[in-house]
Structures are given as structure tokens and as C-alpha cells.
Amino acid sequence: MRTFLIIAFLGAFLLGALFIGVKAWSGLAGVDMPWQGWLALIGGSVLTLALGIGLMALMFYSARHGHDDSHHEQGVYRPPDPNDPGAPDDKGNSESRGSDR
């Protein structure tokens, strides 16, 4: 039921955006745009699309090649290993245990 409500809400949002877009586009029917305007519109659209595709490709490349695994592991809590000589003690001191310094 929850999934249906989410899909219905997003579908209504999409239909509303399409309705407003079509209404705005048809409201500009009498406006003439010079070729420089069309060139800027097409160029901006192509560059925006290329930037989005490039960033998504980098994200998928990074995720599939393990470049962000160490970042994800930083948020995972692991209790300190008592056998690790460099592990902090109960008071937070990170001096090595059992050393005669």
C-alpha cells in the first residue's frame, strides 16, 4: 500500500510538471527566437546532459572498482582489538601496551 501511494504521488507530480511545461510552452507560441537563442538553448541542453551522464558514469565507475569502500567502512563501528599493541586503552590513550619505554 505504501509503495502504491509513493508511485501515485510521484505520478501526480510528473503529470503536474508536464501540464505546467506544456502550458508554458504553448503560451510562448507567438514569440520569435533568433538562431543565436536556439543555438544557446541546444548547446546548454547538450552540455547539461553530458555533465549529468559524465558524473553518473564516474559514480558507477567508482562504486564498481572499490574506490569508495574505505569510505563506507569508516562509518562502521568496530570495538578495539585488545591484542593490537597500538589500540587505545580504556582512557583513550593510544600508547602501546606492554612496552618498557
PDB file of N, CA and C in Angstrom:
ATOM      1  N   MET A   1       0.816  -1.187   0.000  1.00  0.00           N
ATOM      2  CA  MET A   1       0.000   0.000   0.000  1.00  0.00           C
ATOM      3  C   MET A   1       0.866   1.260   0.000  1.00  0.00           C
ATOM      4  N   ARG A   2       1.959   1.204   0.805  1.00  0.00           N
ATOM      5  CA  ARG A   2       2.842   2.374   0.871  1.00  0.00           C
ATOM      6  C   ARG A   2       3.521   2.625  -0.479  1.00  0.00           C
ATOM      7  N   THR A   3       3.934   1.556  -1.138  1.00  0.00           N
ATOM      8  CA  THR A   3       4.570   1.688  -2.445  1.00  0.00           C
ATOM      9  C   THR A   3       3.604   2.291  -3.456  1.00  0.00           C
ATOM     10  N   PHE A   4       2.364   1.871  -3.418  1.00  0.00           N
ATOM     11  CA  PHE A   4       1.358   2.415  -4.328  1.00  0.00           C
ATOM     12  C   PHE A   4       1.163   3.909  -4.093  1.00  0.00           C
ATOM     13  N   LEU A   5       1.133   4.336  -2.836  1.00  0.00           N
ATOM     14  CA  LEU A   5       0.962   5.765  -2.531  1.00  0.00           C
ATOM     15  C   LEU A   5       2.157   6.580  -3.020  1.00  0.00           C
ATOM     16  N   ILE A   6       3.345   6.040  -2.870  1.00  0.00           N
ATOM     17  CA  ILE A   6       4.540   6.748  -3.347  1.00  0.00           C
ATOM     18  C   ILE A   6       4.504   6.875  -4.864  1.00  0.00           C
ATOM     19  N   ILE A   7       4.170   5.792  -5.546  1.00  0.00           N
ATOM     20  CA  ILE A   7       4.099   5.825  -7.013  1.00  0.00           C
ATOM     21  C   ILE A   7       2.995   6.764  -7.469  1.00  0.00           C
ATOM     22  N   ALA A   8       1.855   6.762  -6.793  1.00  0.00           N
ATOM     23  CA  ALA A   8       0.752   7.656  -7.158  1.00  0.00           C
ATOM     24  C   ALA A   8       1.155   9.113  -6.956  1.00  0.00           C
ATOM     25  N   PHE A   9       1.821   9.412  -5.843  1.00  0.00           N
ATOM     26  CA  PHE A   9       2.264  10.784  -5.594  1.00  0.00           C
ATOM     27  C   PHE A   9       3.266  11.242  -6.647  1.00  0.00           C
ATOM     28  N   LEU A  10       4.249  10.405  -6.955  1.00  0.00           N
ATOM     29  CA  LEU A  10       5.252  10.773  -7.950  1.00  0.00           C
ATOM     30  C   LEU A  10       4.637  10.889  -9.341  1.00  0.00           C
ATOM     31  N   GLY A  11       3.671  10.022  -9.662  1.00  0.00           N
ATOM     32  CA  GLY A  11       2.982  10.124 -10.946  1.00  0.00           C
ATOM     33  C   GLY A  11       2.182  11.412 -11.048  1.00  0.00           C
ATOM     34  N   ALA A  12       1.491  11.796  -9.965  1.00  0.00           N
ATOM     35  CA  ALA A  12       0.749  13.057  -9.967  1.00  0.00           C
ATOM     36  C   ALA A  12       1.704  14.247 -10.094  1.00  0.00           C
ATOM     37  N   PHE A  13       2.839  14.166  -9.437  1.00  0.00           N
ATOM     38  CA  PHE A  13       3.836  15.225  -9.541  1.00  0.00           C
ATOM     39  C   PHE A  13       4.356  15.341 -10.967  1.00  0.00           C
ATOM     40  N   LEU A  14       4.607  14.215 -11.626  1.00  0.00           N
ATOM     41  CA  LEU A  14       5.073  14.210 -13.009  1.00  0.00           C
ATOM     42  C   LEU A  14       4.017  14.796 -13.940  1.00  0.00           C
ATOM     43  N   LEU A  15       2.769  14.386 -13.767  1.00  0.00           N
ATOM     44  CA  LEU A  15       1.698  14.919 -14.616  1.00  0.00           C
ATOM     45  C   LEU A  15       1.529  16.423 -14.416  1.00  0.00           C
ATOM     46  N   GLY A  16       1.645  16.881 -13.185  1.00  0.00           N
ATOM     47  CA  GLY A  16       1.555  18.318 -12.916  1.00  0.00           C
ATOM     48  C   GLY A  16       2.685  19.088 -13.580  1.00  0.00           C
ATOM     49  N   ALA A  17       3.895  18.556 -13.505  1.00  0.00           N
ATOM     50  CA  ALA A  17       5.044  19.210 -14.143  1.00  0.00           C
ATOM     51  C   ALA A  17       4.886  19.232 -15.663  1.00  0.00           C
ATOM     52  N   LEU A  18       4.388  18.133 -16.238  1.00  0.00           N
ATOM     53  CA  LEU A  18       4.151  18.095 -17.686  1.00  0.00           C
ATOM     54  C   LEU A  18       3.075  19.102 -18.095  1.00  0.00           C
ATOM     55  N   PHE A  19       2.014  19.184 -17.301  1.00  0.00           N
ATOM     56  CA  PHE A  19       0.939  20.135 -17.607  1.00  0.00           C
ATOM     57  C   PHE A  19       1.456  21.573 -17.588  1.00  0.00           C
ATOM     58  N   ILE A  20       2.212  21.926 -16.566  1.00  0.00           N
ATOM     59  CA  ILE A  20       2.760  23.289 -16.477  1.00  0.00           C
ATOM     60  C   ILE A  20       3.741  23.540 -17.612  1.00  0.00           C
ATOM     61  N   GLY A  21       4.564  22.544 -17.958  1.00  0.00           N
ATOM     62  CA  GLY A  21       5.522  22.716 -19.053  1.00  0.00           C
ATOM     63  C   GLY A  21       4.837  22.926 -20.391  1.00  0.00           C
ATOM     64  N   VAL A  22       3.808  22.131 -20.676  1.00  0.00           N
ATOM     65  CA  VAL A  22       3.077  22.277 -21.943  1.00  0.00           C
ATOM     66  C   VAL A  22       2.352  23.619 -21.991  1.00  0.00           C
ATOM     67  N   LYS A  23       1.769  24.024 -20.871  1.00  0.00           N
ATOM     68  CA  LYS A  23       1.061  25.302 -20.820  1.00  0.00           C
ATOM     69  C   LYS A  23       2.028  26.469 -21.047  1.00  0.00           C
ATOM     70  N   ALA A  24       3.208  26.416 -20.431  1.00  0.00           N
ATOM     71  CA  ALA A  24       4.200  27.477 -20.615  1.00  0.00           C
ATOM     72  C   ALA A  24       4.729  27.487 -22.044  1.00  0.00           C
ATOM     73  N   TRP A  25       4.959  26.299 -22.621  1.00  0.00           N
ATOM     74  CA  TRP A  25       5.493  26.230 -23.981  1.00  0.00           C
ATOM     75  C   TRP A  25       4.479  26.753 -24.986  1.00  0.00           C
ATOM     76  N   SER A  26       3.212  26.383 -24.811  1.00  0.00           N
ATOM     77  CA  SER A  26       2.193  26.846 -25.749  1.00  0.00           C
ATOM     78  C   SER A  26       1.880  28.322 -25.537  1.00  0.00           C
ATOM     79  N   GLY A  27       2.134  28.868 -24.357  1.00  0.00           N
ATOM     80  CA  GLY A  27       1.923  30.288 -24.109  1.00  0.00           C
ATOM     81  C   GLY A  27       2.950  31.159 -24.819  1.00  0.00           C
ATOM     82  N   LEU A  28       4.044  30.583 -25.225  1.00  0.00           N
ATOM     83  CA  LEU A  28       5.096  31.319 -25.924  1.00  0.00           C
ATOM     84  C   LEU A  28       5.016  31.115 -27.436  1.00  0.00           C
ATOM     85  N   ALA A  29       3.853  30.754 -27.937  1.00  0.00           N
ATOM     86  CA  ALA A  29       3.709  30.417 -29.353  1.00  0.00           C
ATOM     87  C   ALA A  29       4.003  31.603 -30.265  1.00  0.00           C
ATOM     88  N   GLY A  30       3.701  32.814 -29.845  1.00  0.00           N
ATOM     89  CA  GLY A  30       3.906  33.971 -30.716  1.00  0.00           C
ATOM     90  C   GLY A  30       5.270  34.610 -30.594  1.00  0.00           C
ATOM     91  N   VAL A  31       6.125  34.101 -29.755  1.00  0.00           N
ATOM     92  CA  VAL A  31       7.437  34.704 -29.522  1.00  0.00           C
ATOM     93  C   VAL A  31       8.441  34.102 -30.498  1.00  0.00           C
ATOM     94  N   ASP A  32       9.176  34.970 -31.178  1.00  0.00           N
ATOM     95  CA  ASP A  32      10.214  34.516 -32.109  1.00  0.00           C
ATOM     96  C   ASP A  32      11.565  34.559 -31.404  1.00  0.00           C
ATOM     97  N   MET A  33      12.368  33.530 -31.645  1.00  0.00           N
ATOM     98  CA  MET A  33      13.698  33.474 -31.062  1.00  0.00           C
ATOM     99  C   MET A  33      14.705  33.420 -32.208  1.00  0.00           C
ATOM    100  N   PRO A  34      15.734  34.260 -32.167  1.00  0.00           N
ATOM    101  CA  PRO A  34      16.741  34.227 -33.236  1.00  0.00           C
ATOM    102  C   PRO A  34      17.562  32.947 -33.170  1.00  0.00           C
ATOM    103  N   TRP A  35      18.358  32.725 -34.213  1.00  0.00           N
ATOM    104  CA  TRP A  35      19.127  31.498 -34.293  1.00  0.00           C
ATOM    105  C   TRP A  35      20.148  31.397 -33.164  1.00  0.00           C
ATOM    106  N   GLN A  36      20.620  32.545 -32.652  1.00  0.00           N
ATOM    107  CA  GLN A  36      21.556  32.515 -31.530  1.00  0.00           C
ATOM    108  C   GLN A  36      20.881  31.959 -30.266  1.00  0.00           C
ATOM    109  N   GLY A  37      19.607  32.289 -30.094  1.00  0.00           N
ATOM    110  CA  GLY A  37      18.854  31.766 -28.955  1.00  0.00           C
ATOM    111  C   GLY A  37      18.679  30.265 -29.048  1.00  0.00           C
ATOM    112  N   TRP A  38      18.345  29.776 -30.245  1.00  0.00           N
ATOM    113  CA  TRP A  38      18.199  28.331 -30.436  1.00  0.00           C
ATOM    114  C   TRP A  38      19.529  27.621 -30.222  1.00  0.00           C
ATOM    115  N   LEU A  39      20.616  28.247 -30.718  1.00  0.00           N
ATOM    116  CA  LEU A  39      21.943  27.669 -30.531  1.00  0.00           C
ATOM    117  C   LEU A  39      22.288  27.588 -29.042  1.00  0.00           C
ATOM    118  N   ALA A  40      21.988  28.655 -28.293  1.00  0.00           N
ATOM    119  CA  ALA A  40      22.256  28.653 -26.856  1.00  0.00           C
ATOM    120  C   ALA A  40      21.389  27.615 -26.144  1.00  0.00           C
ATOM    121  N   LEU A  41      20.125  27.491 -26.528  1.00  0.00           N
ATOM    122  CA  LEU A  41      19.224  26.517 -25.911  1.00  0.00           C
ATOM    123  C   LEU A  41      19.698  25.092 -26.158  1.00  0.00           C
ATOM    124  N   ILE A  42      20.045  24.786 -27.394  1.00  0.00           N
ATOM    125  CA  ILE A  42      20.511  23.437 -27.733  1.00  0.00           C
ATOM    126  C   ILE A  42      21.866  23.155 -27.078  1.00  0.00           C
ATOM    127  N   GLY A  43      22.784  24.126 -27.133  1.00  0.00           N
ATOM    128  CA  GLY A  43      24.107  23.935 -26.528  1.00  0.00           C
ATOM    129  C   GLY A  43      24.028  23.740 -25.023  1.00  0.00           C
ATOM    130  N   GLY A  44      23.207  24.538 -24.364  1.00  0.00           N
ATOM    131  CA  GLY A  44      23.039  24.389 -22.921  1.00  0.00           C
ATOM    132  C   GLY A  44      22.416  23.057 -22.549  1.00  0.00           C
ATOM    133  N   SER A  45      21.455  22.609 -23.336  1.00  0.00           N
ATOM    134  CA  SER A  45      20.820  21.320 -23.067  1.00  0.00           C
ATOM    135  C   SER A  45      21.801  20.172 -23.257  1.00  0.00           C
ATOM    136  N   VAL A  46      22.579  20.219 -24.333  1.00  0.00           N
ATOM    137  CA  VAL A  46      23.553  19.154 -24.604  1.00  0.00           C
ATOM    138  C   VAL A  46      24.635  19.124 -23.524  1.00  0.00           C
ATOM    139  N   LEU A  47      25.153  20.292 -23.126  1.00  0.00           N
ATOM    140  CA  LEU A  47      26.195  20.320 -22.101  1.00  0.00           C
ATOM    141  C   LEU A  47      25.664  19.862 -20.743  1.00  0.00           C
ATOM    142  N   THR A  48      24.445  20.233 -20.407  1.00  0.00           N
ATOM    143  CA  THR A  48      23.853  19.786 -19.148  1.00  0.00           C
ATOM    144  C   THR A  48      23.667  18.278 -19.145  1.00  0.00           C
ATOM    145  N   LEU A  49      23.186  17.734 -20.246  1.00  0.00           N
ATOM    146  CA  LEU A  49      23.010  16.286 -20.364  1.00  0.00           C
ATOM    147  C   LEU A  49      24.355  15.566 -20.296  1.00  0.00           C
ATOM    148  N   ALA A  50      25.373  16.106 -20.965  1.00  0.00           N
ATOM    149  CA  ALA A  50      26.703  15.487 -20.947  1.00  0.00           C
ATOM    150  C   ALA A  50      27.299  15.517 -19.534  1.00  0.00           C
ATOM    151  N   LEU A  51      27.108  16.611 -18.810  1.00  0.00           N
ATOM    152  CA  LEU A  51      27.613  16.697 -17.448  1.00  0.00           C
ATOM    153  C   LEU A  51      26.925  15.673 -16.551  1.00  0.00           C
ATOM    154  N   GLY A  52      25.622  15.543 -16.670  1.00  0.00           N
ATOM    155  CA  GLY A  52      24.889  14.557 -15.879  1.00  0.00           C
ATOM    156  C   GLY A  52      25.321  13.139 -16.186  1.00  0.00           C
ATOM    157  N   ILE A  53      25.473  12.821 -17.461  1.00  0.00           N
ATOM    158  CA  ILE A  53      25.906  11.477 -17.852  1.00  0.00           C
ATOM    159  C   ILE A  53      27.329  11.214 -17.364  1.00  0.00           C
ATOM    160  N   GLY A  54      28.211  12.198 -17.488  1.00  0.00           N
ATOM    161  CA  GLY A  54      29.594  12.030 -17.047  1.00  0.00           C
ATOM    162  C   GLY A  54      29.705  11.809 -15.550  1.00  0.00           C
ATOM    163  N   LEU A  55      28.952  12.581 -14.771  1.00  0.00           N
ATOM    164  CA  LEU A  55      29.008  12.408 -13.320  1.00  0.00           C
ATOM    165  C   LEU A  55      28.419  11.067 -12.885  1.00  0.00           C
ATOM    166  N   MET A  56      27.353  10.645 -13.529  1.00  0.00           N
ATOM    167  CA  MET A  56      26.779   9.341 -13.198  1.00  0.00           C
ATOM    168  C   MET A  56      27.749   8.216 -13.580  1.00  0.00           C
ATOM    169  N   ALA A  57      28.424   8.356 -14.725  1.00  0.00           N
ATOM    170  CA  ALA A  57      29.395   7.346 -15.138  1.00  0.00           C
ATOM    171  C   ALA A  57      30.552   7.263 -14.139  1.00  0.00           C
ATOM    172  N   LEU A  58      31.033   8.417 -13.656  1.00  0.00           N
ATOM    173  CA  LEU A  58      32.090   8.400 -12.654  1.00  0.00           C
ATOM    174  C   LEU A  58      31.623   7.766 -11.350  1.00  0.00           C
ATOM    175  N   MET A  59      30.376   8.013 -10.981  1.00  0.00           N
ATOM    176  CA  MET A  59      29.846   7.427  -9.758  1.00  0.00           C
ATOM    177  C   MET A  59      29.788   5.901  -9.864  1.00  0.00           C
ATOM    178  N   PHE A  60      29.285   5.386 -10.982  1.00  0.00           N
ATOM    179  CA  PHE A  60      29.208   3.946 -11.167  1.00  0.00           C
ATOM    180  C   PHE A  60      30.602   3.331 -11.278  1.00  0.00           C
ATOM    181  N   TYR A  61      31.525   4.009 -11.958  1.00  0.00           N
ATOM    182  CA  TYR A  61      32.889   3.508 -12.072  1.00  0.00           C
ATOM    183  C   TYR A  61      33.530   3.393 -10.686  1.00  0.00           C
ATOM    184  N   SER A  62      33.362   4.432  -9.877  1.00  0.00           N
ATOM    185  CA  SER A  62      33.936   4.445  -8.536  1.00  0.00           C
ATOM    186  C   SER A  62      33.345   3.337  -7.671  1.00  0.00           C
ATOM    187  N   ALA A  63      32.037   3.140  -7.758  1.00  0.00           N
ATOM    188  CA  ALA A  63      31.376   2.133  -6.931  1.00  0.00           C
ATOM    189  C   ALA A  63      31.774   0.716  -7.343  1.00  0.00           C
ATOM    190  N   ARG A  64      31.949   0.480  -8.622  1.00  0.00           N
ATOM    191  CA  ARG A  64      32.239  -0.875  -9.096  1.00  0.00           C
ATOM    192  C   ARG A  64      33.706  -1.265  -8.978  1.00  0.00           C
ATOM    193  N   HIS A  65      34.581  -0.272  -8.853  1.00  0.00           N
ATOM    194  CA  HIS A  65      36.000  -0.587  -8.754  1.00  0.00           C
ATOM    195  C   HIS A  65      36.523  -0.459  -7.329  1.00  0.00           C
ATOM    196  N   GLY A  66      35.639  -0.270  -6.364  1.00  0.00           N
ATOM    197  CA  GLY A  66      36.030  -0.281  -4.964  1.00  0.00           C
ATOM    198  C   GLY A  66      36.710   0.969  -4.461  1.00  0.00           C
ATOM    199  N   HIS A  67      36.623   2.076  -5.195  1.00  0.00           N
ATOM    200  CA  HIS A  67      37.293   3.303  -4.765  1.00  0.00           C
ATOM    201  C   HIS A  67      36.651   3.913  -3.528  1.00  0.00           C
ATOM    202  N   ASP A  68      35.413   3.600  -3.244  1.00  0.00           N
ATOM    203  CA  ASP A  68      34.758   4.204  -2.092  1.00  0.00           C
ATOM    204  C   ASP A  68      34.495   3.209  -0.969  1.00  0.00           C
ATOM    205  N   ASP A  69      35.103   2.020  -1.037  1.00  0.00           N
ATOM    206  CA  ASP A  69      34.893   1.028   0.017  1.00  0.00           C
ATOM    207  C   ASP A  69      35.467   1.493   1.351  1.00  0.00           C
ATOM    208  N   SER A  70      36.666   2.069   1.333  1.00  0.00           N
ATOM    209  CA  SER A  70      37.270   2.504   2.587  1.00  0.00           C
ATOM    210  C   SER A  70      36.457   3.630   3.221  1.00  0.00           C
ATOM    211  N   HIS A  71      35.801   4.421   2.418  1.00  0.00           N
ATOM    212  CA  HIS A  71      34.959   5.495   2.939  1.00  0.00           C
ATOM    213  C   HIS A  71      33.735   4.925   3.649  1.00  0.00           C
ATOM    214  N   HIS A  72      33.165   3.872   3.093  1.00  0.00           N
ATOM    215  CA  HIS A  72      31.993   3.257   3.708  1.00  0.00           C
ATOM    216  C   HIS A  72      32.356   2.548   5.006  1.00  0.00           C
ATOM    217  N   GLU A  73      33.563   2.012   5.075  1.00  0.00           N
ATOM    218  CA  GLU A  73      33.979   1.293   6.273  1.00  0.00           C
ATOM    219  C   GLU A  73      34.272   2.229   7.432  1.00  0.00           C
ATOM    220  N   GLN A  74      34.488   3.514   7.180  1.00  0.00           N
ATOM    221  CA  GLN A  74      34.778   4.453   8.256  1.00  0.00           C
ATOM    222  C   GLN A  74      33.584   4.639   9.174  1.00  0.00           C
ATOM    223  N   GLY A  75      32.385   4.471   8.671  1.00  0.00           N
ATOM    224  CA  GLY A  75      31.201   4.661   9.485  1.00  0.00           C
ATOM    225  C   GLY A  75      30.814   3.434  10.288  1.00  0.00           C
ATOM    226  N   VAL A  76      31.477   2.311  10.063  1.00  0.00           N
ATOM    227  CA  VAL A  76      31.145   1.075  10.762  1.00  0.00           C
ATOM    228  C   VAL A  76      31.932   1.026  12.063  1.00  0.00           C
ATOM    229  N   TYR A  77      31.231   0.862  13.188  1.00  0.00           N
ATOM    230  CA  TYR A  77      31.907   0.787  14.486  1.00  0.00           C
ATOM    231  C   TYR A  77      32.411  -0.623  14.719  1.00  0.00           C
ATOM    232  N   ARG A  78      33.667  -0.700  15.047  1.00  0.00           N
ATOM    233  CA  ARG A  78      34.265  -1.966  15.443  1.00  0.00           C
ATOM    234  C   ARG A  78      34.968  -1.735  16.773  1.00  0.00           C
ATOM    235  N   PRO A  79      34.685  -2.553  17.791  1.00  0.00           N
ATOM    236  CA  PRO A  79      35.376  -2.371  19.073  1.00  0.00           C
ATOM    237  C   PRO A  79      36.870  -2.621  18.892  1.00  0.00           C
ATOM    238  N   PRO A  80      37.689  -1.916  19.660  1.00  0.00           N
ATOM    239  CA  PRO A  80      39.140  -2.091  19.507  1.00  0.00           C
ATOM    240  C   PRO A  80      39.584  -3.502  19.862  1.00  0.00           C
ATOM    241  N   ASP A  81      40.579  -3.960  19.149  1.00  0.00           N
ATOM    242  CA  ASP A  81      41.129  -5.289  19.386  1.00  0.00           C
ATOM    243  C   ASP A  81      42.100  -5.204  20.570  1.00  0.00           C
ATOM    244  N   PRO A  82      41.836  -5.950  21.652  1.00  0.00           N
ATOM    245  CA  PRO A  82      42.730  -5.858  22.818  1.00  0.00           C
ATOM    246  C   PRO A  82      44.131  -6.399  22.533  1.00  0.00           C
ATOM    247  N   ASN A  83      44.304  -7.191  21.509  1.00  0.00           N
ATOM    248  CA  ASN A  83      45.617  -7.742  21.176  1.00  0.00           C
ATOM    249  C   ASN A  83      46.432  -6.809  20.293  1.00  0.00           C
ATOM    250  N   ASP A  84      45.832  -5.713  19.825  1.00  0.00           N
ATOM    251  CA  ASP A  84      46.531  -4.758  18.969  1.00  0.00           C
ATOM    252  C   ASP A  84      47.388  -3.850  19.856  1.00  0.00           C
ATOM    253  N   PRO A  85      48.726  -3.840  19.678  1.00  0.00           N
ATOM    254  CA  PRO A  85      49.571  -3.022  20.555  1.00  0.00           C
ATOM    255  C   PRO A  85      49.344  -1.523  20.386  1.00  0.00           C
ATOM    256  N   GLY A  86      48.820  -1.073  19.260  1.00  0.00           N
ATOM    257  CA  GLY A  86      48.598   0.351  19.055  1.00  0.00           C
ATOM    258  C   GLY A  86      47.183   0.793  19.360  1.00  0.00           C
ATOM    259  N   ALA A  87      46.356  -0.126  19.861  1.00  0.00           N
ATOM    260  CA  ALA A  87      44.959   0.195  20.136  1.00  0.00           C
ATOM    261  C   ALA A  87      44.864   1.085  21.371  1.00  0.00           C
ATOM    262  N   PRO A  88      43.927   2.002  21.408  1.00  0.00           N
ATOM    263  CA  PRO A  88      43.777   2.859  22.586  1.00  0.00           C
ATOM    264  C   PRO A  88      43.269   2.056  23.780  1.00  0.00           C
ATOM    265  N   ASP A  89      43.685   2.492  24.972  1.00  0.00           N
ATOM    266  CA  ASP A  89      43.206   1.810  26.173  1.00  0.00           C
ATOM    267  C   ASP A  89      41.851   2.374  26.580  1.00  0.00           C
ATOM    268  N   ASP A  90      41.384   1.998  27.757  1.00  0.00           N
ATOM    269  CA  ASP A  90      40.057   2.415  28.207  1.00  0.00           C
ATOM    270  C   ASP A  90      39.944   3.928  28.381  1.00  0.00           C
ATOM    271  N   LYS A  91      41.061   4.603  28.616  1.00  0.00           N
ATOM    272  CA  LYS A  91      41.031   6.056  28.826  1.00  0.00           C
ATOM    273  C   LYS A  91      41.247   6.828  27.534  1.00  0.00           C
ATOM    274  N   GLY A  92      41.406   6.149  26.418  1.00  0.00           N
ATOM    275  CA  GLY A  92      41.582   6.810  25.133  1.00  0.00           C
ATOM    276  C   GLY A  92      43.024   7.060  24.759  1.00  0.00           C
ATOM    277  N   ASN A  93      43.971   6.625  25.603  1.00  0.00           N
ATOM    278  CA  ASN A  93      45.384   6.806  25.296  1.00  0.00           C
ATOM    279  C   ASN A  93      45.805   5.773  24.264  1.00  0.00           C
ATOM    280  N   SER A  94      46.566   6.187  23.291  1.00  0.00           N
ATOM    281  CA  SER A  94      46.957   5.265  22.231  1.00  0.00           C
ATOM    282  C   SER A  94      48.408   4.831  22.368  1.00  0.00           C
ATOM    283  N   GLU A  95      48.937   4.878  23.571  1.00  0.00           N
ATOM    284  CA  GLU A  95      50.303   4.390  23.772  1.00  0.00           C
ATOM    285  C   GLU A  95      50.316   2.884  23.647  1.00  0.00           C
ATOM    286  N   SER A  96      51.420   2.369  23.202  1.00  0.00           N
ATOM    287  CA  SER A  96      51.481   0.920  23.029  1.00  0.00           C
ATOM    288  C   SER A  96      51.483   0.232  24.384  1.00  0.00           C
ATOM    289  N   ARG A  97      50.810  -0.870  24.483  1.00  0.00           N
ATOM    290  CA  ARG A  97      50.670  -1.609  25.727  1.00  0.00           C
ATOM    291  C   ARG A  97      51.856  -2.544  25.898  1.00  0.00           C
ATOM    292  N   GLY A  98      52.297  -2.644  27.128  1.00  0.00           N
ATOM    293  CA  GLY A  98      53.343  -3.602  27.425  1.00  0.00           C
ATOM    294  C   GLY A  98      54.719  -3.170  27.001  1.00  0.00           C
ATOM    295  N   SER A  99      54.924  -1.949  26.593  1.00  0.00           N
ATOM    296  CA  SER A  99      56.255  -1.513  26.188  1.00  0.00           C
ATOM    297  C   SER A  99      56.980  -0.964  27.405  1.00  0.00           C
ATOM    298  N   ASP A 100      58.293  -1.040  27.383  1.00  0.00           N
ATOM    299  CA  ASP A 100      59.117  -0.589  28.537  1.00  0.00           C
ATOM    300  C   ASP A 100      59.715   0.780  28.267  1.00  0.00           C
ATOM    301  N   ARG A 101      59.038   1.629  27.590  1.00  0.00           N
ATOM    302  CA  ARG A 101      59.588   2.954  27.305  1.00  0.00           C
ATOM    303  C   ARG A 101      59.570   3.838  28.479  1.00  0.00           C
TER     304      ARG A 101
END
